[in-house]
């Protein structure tokens, strides 16, 4: 049951970024997005990814890898704008 809760949390926090990525791609507008927040967030995701790899915890590895990908798209769009 603990793993199920972890997987549900991982899925929800990961897919929460999809609407933002879609909006940024469609509108090409990142003016109201904090660059510092995304930099800090991505550093945190890298730490979580390393932690998941060291613990061989698949839900943590997968969720943070996907979230890192989505957040990086937004960060790249932010830096380019």
PDB file of N, CA and C in Angstrom:
ATOM      1  N   UNK A   1       0.830  -1.200   0.000  1.00  0.00           N
ATOM      2  CA  UNK A   1       0.000   0.000   0.000  1.00  0.00           C
ATOM      3  C   UNK A   1       0.874   1.263   0.000  1.00  0.00           C
ATOM      4  N   UNK A   2       2.002   1.203   0.682  1.00  0.00           N
ATOM      5  CA  UNK A   2       2.901   2.364   0.728  1.00  0.00           C
ATOM      6  C   UNK A   2       3.421   2.681  -0.664  1.00  0.00           C
ATOM      7  N   UNK A   3       3.790   1.660  -1.425  1.00  0.00           N
ATOM      8  CA  UNK A   3       4.279   1.882  -2.784  1.00  0.00           C
ATOM      9  C   UNK A   3       3.197   2.452  -3.684  1.00  0.00           C
ATOM     10  N   UNK A   4       1.964   2.018  -3.510  1.00  0.00           N
ATOM     11  CA  UNK A   4       0.846   2.542  -4.306  1.00  0.00           C
ATOM     12  C   UNK A   4       0.682   4.035  -4.056  1.00  0.00           C
ATOM     13  N   UNK A   5       0.738   4.440  -2.808  1.00  0.00           N
ATOM     14  CA  UNK A   5       0.637   5.861  -2.471  1.00  0.00           C
ATOM     15  C   UNK A   5       1.787   6.635  -3.109  1.00  0.00           C
ATOM     16  N   UNK A   6       2.983   6.076  -3.059  1.00  0.00           N
ATOM     17  CA  UNK A   6       4.140   6.716  -3.671  1.00  0.00           C
ATOM     18  C   UNK A   6       3.992   6.854  -5.173  1.00  0.00           C
ATOM     19  N   UNK A   7       3.503   5.818  -5.820  1.00  0.00           N
ATOM     20  CA  UNK A   7       3.311   5.861  -7.276  1.00  0.00           C
ATOM     21  C   UNK A   7       2.232   6.881  -7.642  1.00  0.00           C
ATOM     22  N   UNK A   8       1.146   6.908  -6.904  1.00  0.00           N
ATOM     23  CA  UNK A   8       0.082   7.889  -7.171  1.00  0.00           C
ATOM     24  C   UNK A   8       0.623   9.309  -7.017  1.00  0.00           C
ATOM     25  N   UNK A   9       1.360   9.557  -5.942  1.00  0.00           N
ATOM     26  CA  UNK A   9       1.957  10.872  -5.739  1.00  0.00           C
ATOM     27  C   UNK A   9       2.922  11.238  -6.852  1.00  0.00           C
ATOM     28  N   UNK A  10       3.736  10.280  -7.265  1.00  0.00           N
ATOM     29  CA  UNK A  10       4.702  10.518  -8.337  1.00  0.00           C
ATOM     30  C   UNK A  10       3.996  10.840  -9.647  1.00  0.00           C
ATOM     31  N   UNK A  11       2.968  10.092  -9.972  1.00  0.00           N
ATOM     32  CA  UNK A  11       2.226  10.329 -11.217  1.00  0.00           C
ATOM     33  C   UNK A  11       1.565  11.709 -11.195  1.00  0.00           C
ATOM     34  N   UNK A  12       0.909  12.036 -10.095  1.00  0.00           N
ATOM     35  CA  UNK A  12       0.206  13.318 -10.017  1.00  0.00           C
ATOM     36  C   UNK A  12       1.155  14.514 -10.085  1.00  0.00           C
ATOM     37  N   UNK A  13       2.246  14.467  -9.356  1.00  0.00           N
ATOM     38  CA  UNK A  13       3.171  15.596  -9.377  1.00  0.00           C
ATOM     39  C   UNK A  13       3.893  15.704 -10.714  1.00  0.00           C
ATOM     40  N   UNK A  14       4.036  14.599 -11.406  1.00  0.00           N
ATOM     41  CA  UNK A  14       4.676  14.617 -12.719  1.00  0.00           C
ATOM     42  C   UNK A  14       3.728  15.179 -13.778  1.00  0.00           C
ATOM     43  N   UNK A  15       2.502  14.670 -13.830  1.00  0.00           N
ATOM     44  CA  UNK A  15       1.582  15.131 -14.867  1.00  0.00           C
ATOM     45  C   UNK A  15       1.095  16.558 -14.617  1.00  0.00           C
ATOM     46  N   UNK A  16       1.298  17.063 -13.414  1.00  0.00           N
ATOM     47  CA  UNK A  16       0.906  18.440 -13.116  1.00  0.00           C
ATOM     48  C   UNK A  16       1.647  19.439 -13.996  1.00  0.00           C
ATOM     49  N   UNK A  17       2.806  19.070 -14.510  1.00  0.00           N
ATOM     50  CA  UNK A  17       3.593  19.967 -15.361  1.00  0.00           C
ATOM     51  C   UNK A  17       3.133  19.980 -16.813  1.00  0.00           C
ATOM     52  N   UNK A  18       2.394  18.991 -17.220  1.00  0.00           N
ATOM     53  CA  UNK A  18       1.998  18.893 -18.625  1.00  0.00           C
ATOM     54  C   UNK A  18       1.187  20.108 -19.095  1.00  0.00           C
ATOM     55  N   UNK A  19       0.171  20.566 -18.350  1.00  0.00           N
ATOM     56  CA  UNK A  19      -0.562  21.747 -18.823  1.00  0.00           C
ATOM     57  C   UNK A  19       0.331  22.993 -18.978  1.00  0.00           C
ATOM     58  N   UNK A  20       1.297  23.160 -18.094  1.00  0.00           N
ATOM     59  CA  UNK A  20       2.201  24.316 -18.191  1.00  0.00           C
ATOM     60  C   UNK A  20       3.087  24.209 -19.421  1.00  0.00           C
ATOM     61  N   UNK A  21       3.599  23.014 -19.677  1.00  0.00           N
ATOM     62  CA  UNK A  21       4.441  22.808 -20.863  1.00  0.00           C
ATOM     63  C   UNK A  21       3.635  23.089 -22.127  1.00  0.00           C
ATOM     64  N   UNK A  22       2.423  22.573 -22.198  1.00  0.00           N
ATOM     65  CA  UNK A  22       1.571  22.800 -23.365  1.00  0.00           C
ATOM     66  C   UNK A  22       1.303  24.287 -23.548  1.00  0.00           C
ATOM     67  N   UNK A  23       0.991  24.980 -22.457  1.00  0.00           N
ATOM     68  CA  UNK A  23       0.712  26.418 -22.543  1.00  0.00           C
ATOM     69  C   UNK A  23       1.934  27.191 -23.015  1.00  0.00           C
ATOM     70  N   UNK A  24       3.101  26.872 -22.481  1.00  0.00           N
ATOM     71  CA  UNK A  24       4.334  27.564 -22.872  1.00  0.00           C
ATOM     72  C   UNK A  24       4.647  27.303 -24.348  1.00  0.00           C
ATOM     73  N   UNK A  25       4.470  26.082 -24.792  1.00  0.00           N
ATOM     74  CA  UNK A  25       4.747  25.752 -26.194  1.00  0.00           C
ATOM     75  C   UNK A  25       3.761  26.468 -27.119  1.00  0.00           C
ATOM     76  N   UNK A  26       2.482  26.473 -26.758  1.00  0.00           N
ATOM     77  CA  UNK A  26       1.463  27.102 -27.602  1.00  0.00           C
ATOM     78  C   UNK A  26       1.611  28.621 -27.649  1.00  0.00           C
ATOM     79  N   UNK A  27       1.767  29.237 -26.482  1.00  0.00           N
ATOM     80  CA  UNK A  27       1.769  30.705 -26.418  1.00  0.00           C
ATOM     81  C   UNK A  27       3.156  31.308 -26.590  1.00  0.00           C
ATOM     82  N   UNK A  28       4.192  30.502 -26.353  1.00  0.00           N
ATOM     83  CA  UNK A  28       5.584  30.976 -26.370  1.00  0.00           C
ATOM     84  C   UNK A  28       5.799  32.120 -25.357  1.00  0.00           C
ATOM     85  N   UNK A  29       4.943  32.167 -24.350  1.00  0.00           N
ATOM     86  CA  UNK A  29       5.004  33.216 -23.334  1.00  0.00           C
ATOM     87  C   UNK A  29       5.490  32.627 -22.008  1.00  0.00           C
ATOM     88  N   UNK A  30       6.641  33.103 -21.546  1.00  0.00           N
ATOM     89  CA  UNK A  30       7.179  32.659 -20.262  1.00  0.00           C
ATOM     90  C   UNK A  30       7.440  33.842 -19.331  1.00  0.00           C
ATOM     91  N   UNK A  31       6.918  34.992 -19.690  1.00  0.00           N
ATOM     92  CA  UNK A  31       7.175  36.223 -18.949  1.00  0.00           C
ATOM     93  C   UNK A  31       6.856  36.101 -17.457  1.00  0.00           C
ATOM     94  N   UNK A  32       5.773  35.447 -17.120  1.00  0.00           N
ATOM     95  CA  UNK A  32       5.349  35.362 -15.713  1.00  0.00           C
ATOM     96  C   UNK A  32       5.907  34.145 -14.980  1.00  0.00           C
ATOM     97  N   UNK A  33       6.805  33.416 -15.605  1.00  0.00           N
ATOM     98  CA  UNK A  33       7.404  32.241 -14.981  1.00  0.00           C
ATOM     99  C   UNK A  33       8.742  32.640 -14.367  1.00  0.00           C
ATOM    100  N   UNK A  34       8.959  32.247 -13.140  1.00  0.00           N
ATOM    101  CA  UNK A  34      10.186  32.594 -12.423  1.00  0.00           C
ATOM    102  C   UNK A  34      11.358  31.730 -12.890  1.00  0.00           C
ATOM    103  N   UNK A  35      12.377  32.381 -13.441  1.00  0.00           N
ATOM    104  CA  UNK A  35      13.586  31.679 -13.867  1.00  0.00           C
ATOM    105  C   UNK A  35      14.283  31.040 -12.671  1.00  0.00           C
ATOM    106  N   UNK A  36      14.424  31.787 -11.583  1.00  0.00           N
ATOM    107  CA  UNK A  36      15.100  31.260 -10.395  1.00  0.00           C
ATOM    108  C   UNK A  36      14.371  30.041  -9.834  1.00  0.00           C
ATOM    109  N   UNK A  37      13.059  30.077  -9.821  1.00  0.00           N
ATOM    110  CA  UNK A  37      12.290  28.939  -9.311  1.00  0.00           C
ATOM    111  C   UNK A  37      12.586  27.688 -10.132  1.00  0.00           C
ATOM    112  N   UNK A  38      12.615  27.822 -11.453  1.00  0.00           N
ATOM    113  CA  UNK A  38      12.867  26.653 -12.289  1.00  0.00           C
ATOM    114  C   UNK A  38      14.297  26.151 -12.163  1.00  0.00           C
ATOM    115  N   UNK A  39      15.245  27.030 -11.993  1.00  0.00           N
ATOM    116  CA  UNK A  39      16.631  26.609 -11.780  1.00  0.00           C
ATOM    117  C   UNK A  39      16.744  25.812 -10.485  1.00  0.00           C
ATOM    118  N   UNK A  40      16.184  26.353  -9.414  1.00  0.00           N
ATOM    119  CA  UNK A  40      16.210  25.667  -8.117  1.00  0.00           C
ATOM    120  C   UNK A  40      15.458  24.337  -8.201  1.00  0.00           C
ATOM    121  N   UNK A  41      14.316  24.348  -8.852  1.00  0.00           N
ATOM    122  CA  UNK A  41      13.501  23.152  -8.984  1.00  0.00           C
ATOM    123  C   UNK A  41      14.248  22.050  -9.742  1.00  0.00           C
ATOM    124  N   UNK A  42      14.903  22.407 -10.838  1.00  0.00           N
ATOM    125  CA  UNK A  42      15.637  21.423 -11.627  1.00  0.00           C
ATOM    126  C   UNK A  42      16.821  20.867 -10.845  1.00  0.00           C
ATOM    127  N   UNK A  43      17.495  21.693 -10.086  1.00  0.00           N
ATOM    128  CA  UNK A  43      18.575  21.190  -9.225  1.00  0.00           C
ATOM    129  C   UNK A  43      18.008  20.175  -8.223  1.00  0.00           C
ATOM    130  N   UNK A  44      16.861  20.499  -7.651  1.00  0.00           N
ATOM    131  CA  UNK A  44      16.198  19.570  -6.731  1.00  0.00           C
ATOM    132  C   UNK A  44      15.828  18.262  -7.413  1.00  0.00           C
ATOM    133  N   UNK A  45      15.326  18.343  -8.650  1.00  0.00           N
ATOM    134  CA  UNK A  45      14.979  17.134  -9.394  1.00  0.00           C
ATOM    135  C   UNK A  45      16.209  16.275  -9.677  1.00  0.00           C
ATOM    136  N   UNK A  46      17.317  16.916  -9.998  1.00  0.00           N
ATOM    137  CA  UNK A  46      18.564  16.160 -10.225  1.00  0.00           C
ATOM    138  C   UNK A  46      18.965  15.436  -8.935  1.00  0.00           C
ATOM    139  N   UNK A  47      18.836  16.111  -7.816  1.00  0.00           N
ATOM    140  CA  UNK A  47      19.147  15.469  -6.526  1.00  0.00           C
ATOM    141  C   UNK A  47      18.214  14.282  -6.276  1.00  0.00           C
ATOM    142  N   UNK A  48      16.919  14.455  -6.529  1.00  0.00           N
ATOM    143  CA  UNK A  48      15.972  13.357  -6.365  1.00  0.00           C
ATOM    144  C   UNK A  48      16.305  12.204  -7.299  1.00  0.00           C
ATOM    145  N   UNK A  49      16.721  12.532  -8.525  1.00  0.00           N
ATOM    146  CA  UNK A  49      17.069  11.491  -9.492  1.00  0.00           C
ATOM    147  C   UNK A  49      18.272  10.675  -8.990  1.00  0.00           C
ATOM    148  N   UNK A  50      19.275  11.366  -8.505  1.00  0.00           N
ATOM    149  CA  UNK A  50      20.457  10.685  -7.956  1.00  0.00           C
ATOM    150  C   UNK A  50      20.051   9.819  -6.757  1.00  0.00           C
ATOM    151  N   UNK A  51      19.231  10.371  -5.880  1.00  0.00           N
ATOM    152  CA  UNK A  51      18.740   9.634  -4.715  1.00  0.00           C
ATOM    153  C   UNK A  51      18.006   8.367  -5.151  1.00  0.00           C
ATOM    154  N   UNK A  52      17.091   8.511  -6.126  1.00  0.00           N
ATOM    155  CA  UNK A  52      16.343   7.361  -6.620  1.00  0.00           C
ATOM    156  C   UNK A  52      17.244   6.306  -7.226  1.00  0.00           C
ATOM    157  N   UNK A  53      18.261   6.758  -7.972  1.00  0.00           N
ATOM    158  CA  UNK A  53      19.211   5.815  -8.562  1.00  0.00           C
ATOM    159  C   UNK A  53      20.021   5.089  -7.487  1.00  0.00           C
ATOM    160  N   UNK A  54      20.477   5.834  -6.483  1.00  0.00           N
ATOM    161  CA  UNK A  54      21.257   5.223  -5.406  1.00  0.00           C
ATOM    162  C   UNK A  54      20.434   4.216  -4.603  1.00  0.00           C
ATOM    163  N   UNK A  55      19.137   4.477  -4.471  1.00  0.00           N
ATOM    164  CA  UNK A  55      18.258   3.575  -3.723  1.00  0.00           C
ATOM    165  C   UNK A  55      17.603   2.530  -4.619  1.00  0.00           C
ATOM    166  N   UNK A  56      17.847   2.626  -5.926  1.00  0.00           N
ATOM    167  CA  UNK A  56      17.203   1.735  -6.905  1.00  0.00           C
ATOM    168  C   UNK A  56      15.685   1.748  -6.746  1.00  0.00           C
ATOM    169  N   UNK A  57      15.136   2.944  -6.598  1.00  0.00           N
ATOM    170  CA  UNK A  57      13.700   3.123  -6.385  1.00  0.00           C
ATOM    171  C   UNK A  57      13.064   3.575  -7.701  1.00  0.00           C
ATOM    172  N   UNK A  58      12.453   2.628  -8.420  1.00  0.00           N
ATOM    173  CA  UNK A  58      11.937   2.899  -9.757  1.00  0.00           C
ATOM    174  C   UNK A  58      10.909   4.027  -9.813  1.00  0.00           C
ATOM    175  N   UNK A  59       9.910   4.088  -8.900  1.00  0.00           N
ATOM    176  CA  UNK A  59       8.957   5.201  -8.976  1.00  0.00           C
ATOM    177  C   UNK A  59       9.637   6.573  -8.843  1.00  0.00           C
ATOM    178  N   UNK A  60      10.601   6.682  -7.965  1.00  0.00           N
ATOM    179  CA  UNK A  60      11.312   7.956  -7.796  1.00  0.00           C
ATOM    180  C   UNK A  60      12.132   8.265  -9.051  1.00  0.00           C
ATOM    181  N   UNK A  61      12.803   7.267  -9.581  1.00  0.00           N
ATOM    182  CA  UNK A  61      13.621   7.460 -10.783  1.00  0.00           C
ATOM    183  C   UNK A  61      12.754   7.916 -11.948  1.00  0.00           C
ATOM    184  N   UNK A  62      11.681   7.193 -12.212  1.00  0.00           N
ATOM    185  CA  UNK A  62      10.835   7.492 -13.367  1.00  0.00           C
ATOM    186  C   UNK A  62      10.133   8.836 -13.227  1.00  0.00           C
ATOM    187  N   UNK A  63       9.530   9.076 -12.077  1.00  0.00           N
ATOM    188  CA  UNK A  63       8.785  10.326 -11.879  1.00  0.00           C
ATOM    189  C   UNK A  63       9.695  11.541 -12.009  1.00  0.00           C
ATOM    190  N   UNK A  64      10.851  11.476 -11.401  1.00  0.00           N
ATOM    191  CA  UNK A  64      11.745  12.627 -11.451  1.00  0.00           C
ATOM    192  C   UNK A  64      12.399  12.798 -12.811  1.00  0.00           C
ATOM    193  N   UNK A  65      12.615  11.723 -13.519  1.00  0.00           N
ATOM    194  CA  UNK A  65      13.166  11.817 -14.862  1.00  0.00           C
ATOM    195  C   UNK A  65      12.167  12.501 -15.803  1.00  0.00           C
ATOM    196  N   UNK A  66      10.911  12.089 -15.731  1.00  0.00           N
ATOM    197  CA  UNK A  66       9.881  12.706 -16.573  1.00  0.00           C
ATOM    198  C   UNK A  66       9.666  14.166 -16.176  1.00  0.00           C
ATOM    199  N   UNK A  67       9.580  14.438 -14.879  1.00  0.00           N
ATOM    200  CA  UNK A  67       9.399  15.812 -14.408  1.00  0.00           C
ATOM    201  C   UNK A  67      10.589  16.677 -14.796  1.00  0.00           C
ATOM    202  N   UNK A  68      11.786  16.134 -14.700  1.00  0.00           N
ATOM    203  CA  UNK A  68      12.986  16.860 -15.109  1.00  0.00           C
ATOM    204  C   UNK A  68      12.913  17.222 -16.587  1.00  0.00           C
ATOM    205  N   UNK A  69      12.465  16.297 -17.412  1.00  0.00           N
ATOM    206  CA  UNK A  69      12.302  16.556 -18.839  1.00  0.00           C
ATOM    207  C   UNK A  69      11.306  17.691 -19.076  1.00  0.00           C
ATOM    208  N   UNK A  70      10.141  17.623 -18.428  1.00  0.00           N
ATOM    209  CA  UNK A  70       9.111  18.647 -18.612  1.00  0.00           C
ATOM    210  C   UNK A  70       9.575  20.012 -18.101  1.00  0.00           C
ATOM    211  N   UNK A  71      10.186  20.044 -16.935  1.00  0.00           N
ATOM    212  CA  UNK A  71      10.665  21.307 -16.370  1.00  0.00           C
ATOM    213  C   UNK A  71      11.780  21.899 -17.217  1.00  0.00           C
ATOM    214  N   UNK A  72      12.613  21.049 -17.795  1.00  0.00           N
ATOM    215  CA  UNK A  72      13.698  21.535 -18.643  1.00  0.00           C
ATOM    216  C   UNK A  72      13.154  22.186 -19.909  1.00  0.00           C
ATOM    217  N   UNK A  73      12.076  21.654 -20.464  1.00  0.00           N
ATOM    218  CA  UNK A  73      11.438  22.287 -21.623  1.00  0.00           C
ATOM    219  C   UNK A  73      11.035  23.712 -21.270  1.00  0.00           C
ATOM    220  N   UNK A  74      10.398  23.878 -20.123  1.00  0.00           N
ATOM    221  CA  UNK A  74       9.959  25.209 -19.695  1.00  0.00           C
ATOM    222  C   UNK A  74      11.162  26.111 -19.454  1.00  0.00           C
ATOM    223  N   UNK A  75      12.187  25.589 -18.799  1.00  0.00           N
ATOM    224  CA  UNK A  75      13.380  26.394 -18.524  1.00  0.00           C
ATOM    225  C   UNK A  75      14.049  26.844 -19.827  1.00  0.00           C
ATOM    226  N   UNK A  76      14.164  25.966 -20.782  1.00  0.00           N
ATOM    227  CA  UNK A  76      14.771  26.329 -22.070  1.00  0.00           C
ATOM    228  C   UNK A  76      13.956  27.421 -22.761  1.00  0.00           C
ATOM    229  N   UNK A  77      12.642  27.259 -22.772  1.00  0.00           N
ATOM    230  CA  UNK A  77      11.777  28.284 -23.370  1.00  0.00           C
ATOM    231  C   UNK A  77      11.932  29.610 -22.636  1.00  0.00           C
ATOM    232  N   UNK A  78      12.056  29.557 -21.300  1.00  0.00           N
ATOM    233  CA  UNK A  78      12.213  30.773 -20.495  1.00  0.00           C
ATOM    234  C   UNK A  78      13.524  31.462 -20.831  1.00  0.00           C
ATOM    235  N   UNK A  79      14.598  30.714 -20.918  1.00  0.00           N
ATOM    236  CA  UNK A  79      15.919  31.301 -21.197  1.00  0.00           C
ATOM    237  C   UNK A  79      15.951  31.881 -22.614  1.00  0.00           C
ATOM    238  N   UNK A  80      15.305  31.225 -23.562  1.00  0.00           N
ATOM    239  CA  UNK A  80      15.291  31.695 -24.944  1.00  0.00           C
ATOM    240  C   UNK A  80      14.415  32.929 -25.158  1.00  0.00           C
ATOM    241  N   UNK A  81      13.484  33.163 -24.256  1.00  0.00           N
ATOM    242  CA  UNK A  81      12.562  34.305 -24.458  1.00  0.00           C
ATOM    243  C   UNK A  81      13.099  35.593 -23.899  1.00  0.00           C
TER     244      UNK A  81
END
